[in-house]
Protein backbone atom coordinates (compact mmCIF):
# COMPACT_ATOMS: atom_id res chain seq x y z
CA UNK A 1 -13.41 -8.82 -8.14
CA UNK A 2 -9.95 -7.49 -8.93
CA UNK A 3 -8.05 -6.89 -12.12
CA UNK A 4 -6.57 -10.37 -11.98
CA UNK A 5 -10.03 -11.82 -12.58
CA UNK A 6 -11.16 -9.39 -15.26
CA UNK A 7 -10.57 -9.68 -18.94
CA UNK A 8 -10.72 -5.95 -19.50
CA UNK A 9 -12.13 -2.60 -18.55
CA UNK A 10 -12.52 -0.91 -15.21
CA UNK A 11 -16.04 -2.14 -14.64
CA UNK A 12 -19.02 -0.01 -13.78
CA UNK A 13 -18.39 3.07 -11.68
CA UNK A 14 -20.74 5.75 -10.46
CA UNK A 15 -21.78 8.86 -12.36
CA UNK A 16 -18.78 10.72 -10.95
CA UNK A 17 -16.40 8.65 -13.06
CA UNK A 18 -17.91 10.04 -16.27
CA UNK A 19 -16.86 13.54 -15.27
CA UNK A 20 -13.93 12.86 -12.94
CA UNK A 21 -12.53 9.42 -13.81
CA UNK A 22 -9.22 10.08 -12.04
CA UNK A 23 -11.03 10.94 -8.81
CA UNK A 24 -12.88 7.63 -8.96
CA UNK A 25 -9.67 5.69 -9.59
CA UNK A 26 -7.84 7.48 -6.79
CA UNK A 27 -10.67 6.72 -4.36
CA UNK A 28 -10.54 3.06 -5.37
CA UNK A 29 -6.76 2.96 -4.96
CA UNK A 30 -6.96 4.71 -1.59
CA UNK A 31 -9.57 2.26 -0.30
CA UNK A 32 -7.54 -0.76 -1.43
CA UNK A 33 -4.32 0.66 0.05
CA UNK A 34 -6.04 1.23 3.38
CA UNK A 35 -7.16 -2.41 3.33
CA UNK A 36 -3.62 -3.56 2.58
CA UNK A 37 -2.08 -1.58 5.43
CA UNK A 38 -4.85 -2.63 7.84
CA UNK A 39 -3.50 -6.17 7.57
CA UNK A 40 -0.55 -5.05 9.72
CA UNK A 41 -2.95 -4.79 12.67
CA UNK A 42 -2.88 -8.57 13.00
CA UNK A 43 0.87 -8.63 13.69
CA UNK A 44 2.95 -7.65 16.66
CA UNK A 45 5.42 -5.25 15.05
CA UNK A 46 8.71 -5.39 16.92
CA UNK A 47 11.81 -3.32 17.54
CA UNK A 48 13.66 -5.98 15.52
CA UNK A 49 11.40 -5.21 12.54
CA UNK A 50 12.23 -1.54 13.01
CA UNK A 51 15.99 -2.13 13.21
CA UNK A 52 15.93 -4.41 10.16
CA UNK A 53 13.98 -1.79 8.22
CA UNK A 54 16.17 1.20 9.09
CA UNK A 55 19.32 -0.82 8.39
CA UNK A 56 18.42 -0.87 4.69
CA UNK A 57 17.86 2.90 4.44
CA UNK A 58 20.39 5.53 3.51
CA UNK A 59 22.22 7.13 6.47
CA UNK A 60 20.20 10.37 6.46
CA UNK A 61 16.84 8.57 6.44
CA UNK A 62 18.10 6.10 9.04
CA UNK A 63 19.19 8.85 11.41
CA UNK A 64 15.90 10.73 11.06
CA UNK A 65 13.81 7.61 11.69
CA UNK A 66 15.95 6.42 14.57
CA UNK A 67 15.54 9.88 16.14
CA UNK A 68 11.75 9.59 15.87
CA UNK A 69 11.87 6.07 17.28
CA UNK A 70 10.05 2.77 16.93
CA UNK A 71 6.73 3.97 18.36
CA UNK A 72 6.41 6.70 15.73
CA UNK A 73 7.63 4.39 12.98
CA UNK A 74 4.62 2.12 13.54
CA UNK A 75 2.51 4.77 11.78
CA UNK A 76 4.86 5.10 8.79
CA UNK A 77 3.40 3.49 5.68
CA UNK A 78 6.87 2.51 4.45
CA UNK A 79 7.51 0.65 7.71
CA UNK A 80 4.13 -1.07 7.61
CA UNK A 81 4.74 -2.14 4.03
CA UNK A 82 8.19 -3.42 4.93
CA UNK A 83 6.69 -5.50 7.75
CA UNK A 84 3.91 -6.85 5.56
CA UNK A 85 6.22 -7.69 2.68
CA UNK A 86 8.62 -9.41 5.10
CA UNK A 87 5.70 -11.61 6.14
CA UNK A 88 4.89 -12.46 2.50
CA UNK A 89 1.99 -9.99 2.17
CA UNK A 90 2.75 -8.54 -1.24
CA UNK A 91 1.22 -5.14 -1.87
CA UNK A 92 1.31 -5.70 -5.62
CA UNK A 93 -0.60 -8.97 -5.30
CA UNK A 94 -3.12 -7.36 -2.94
CA UNK A 95 -3.71 -4.40 -5.24
CA UNK A 96 -4.00 -6.70 -8.26
CA UNK A 97 -6.69 -8.65 -6.41
CA UNK A 98 -8.70 -5.69 -5.12
CA UNK A 99 -8.41 -3.03 -7.84
CA UNK A 100 -10.13 -2.75 -11.19
CA UNK A 101 -7.76 -3.04 -14.13
CA UNK A 102 -7.82 0.72 -14.77
CA UNK A 103 -7.10 1.50 -11.12
CA UNK A 104 -4.34 -1.11 -10.99
CA UNK A 105 -2.66 0.35 -14.05
CA UNK A 106 -2.89 3.81 -12.49
CA UNK A 107 -1.48 2.59 -9.16
CA UNK A 108 1.31 0.56 -10.77
CA UNK A 109 2.30 3.52 -12.94
CA UNK A 110 2.78 5.70 -9.86
CA UNK A 111 3.74 3.24 -7.13
């Protein structure tokens, strides 16, 4: 159950969190992020998605990504997030749902 459903606290974590709480939070964030990006597998990402995405970037980034091409871009997390967000799959909402409150605060502070 994610932070949205909790009234407080990060919930119970393993023994590692007592000694390395950041490691535990980062593992939780990583797992949730992987789940978010995996949602892109259900879509046919297109060259139009790619062109729309690079059009919003600064000229240097655009040139570098256009040189690498659409096929390579399909592995770029920024491109996957763009495609998901364009299809109304909010990363913030996903992370809020799947992270503990402590992990969500950590993610939001560095996202």
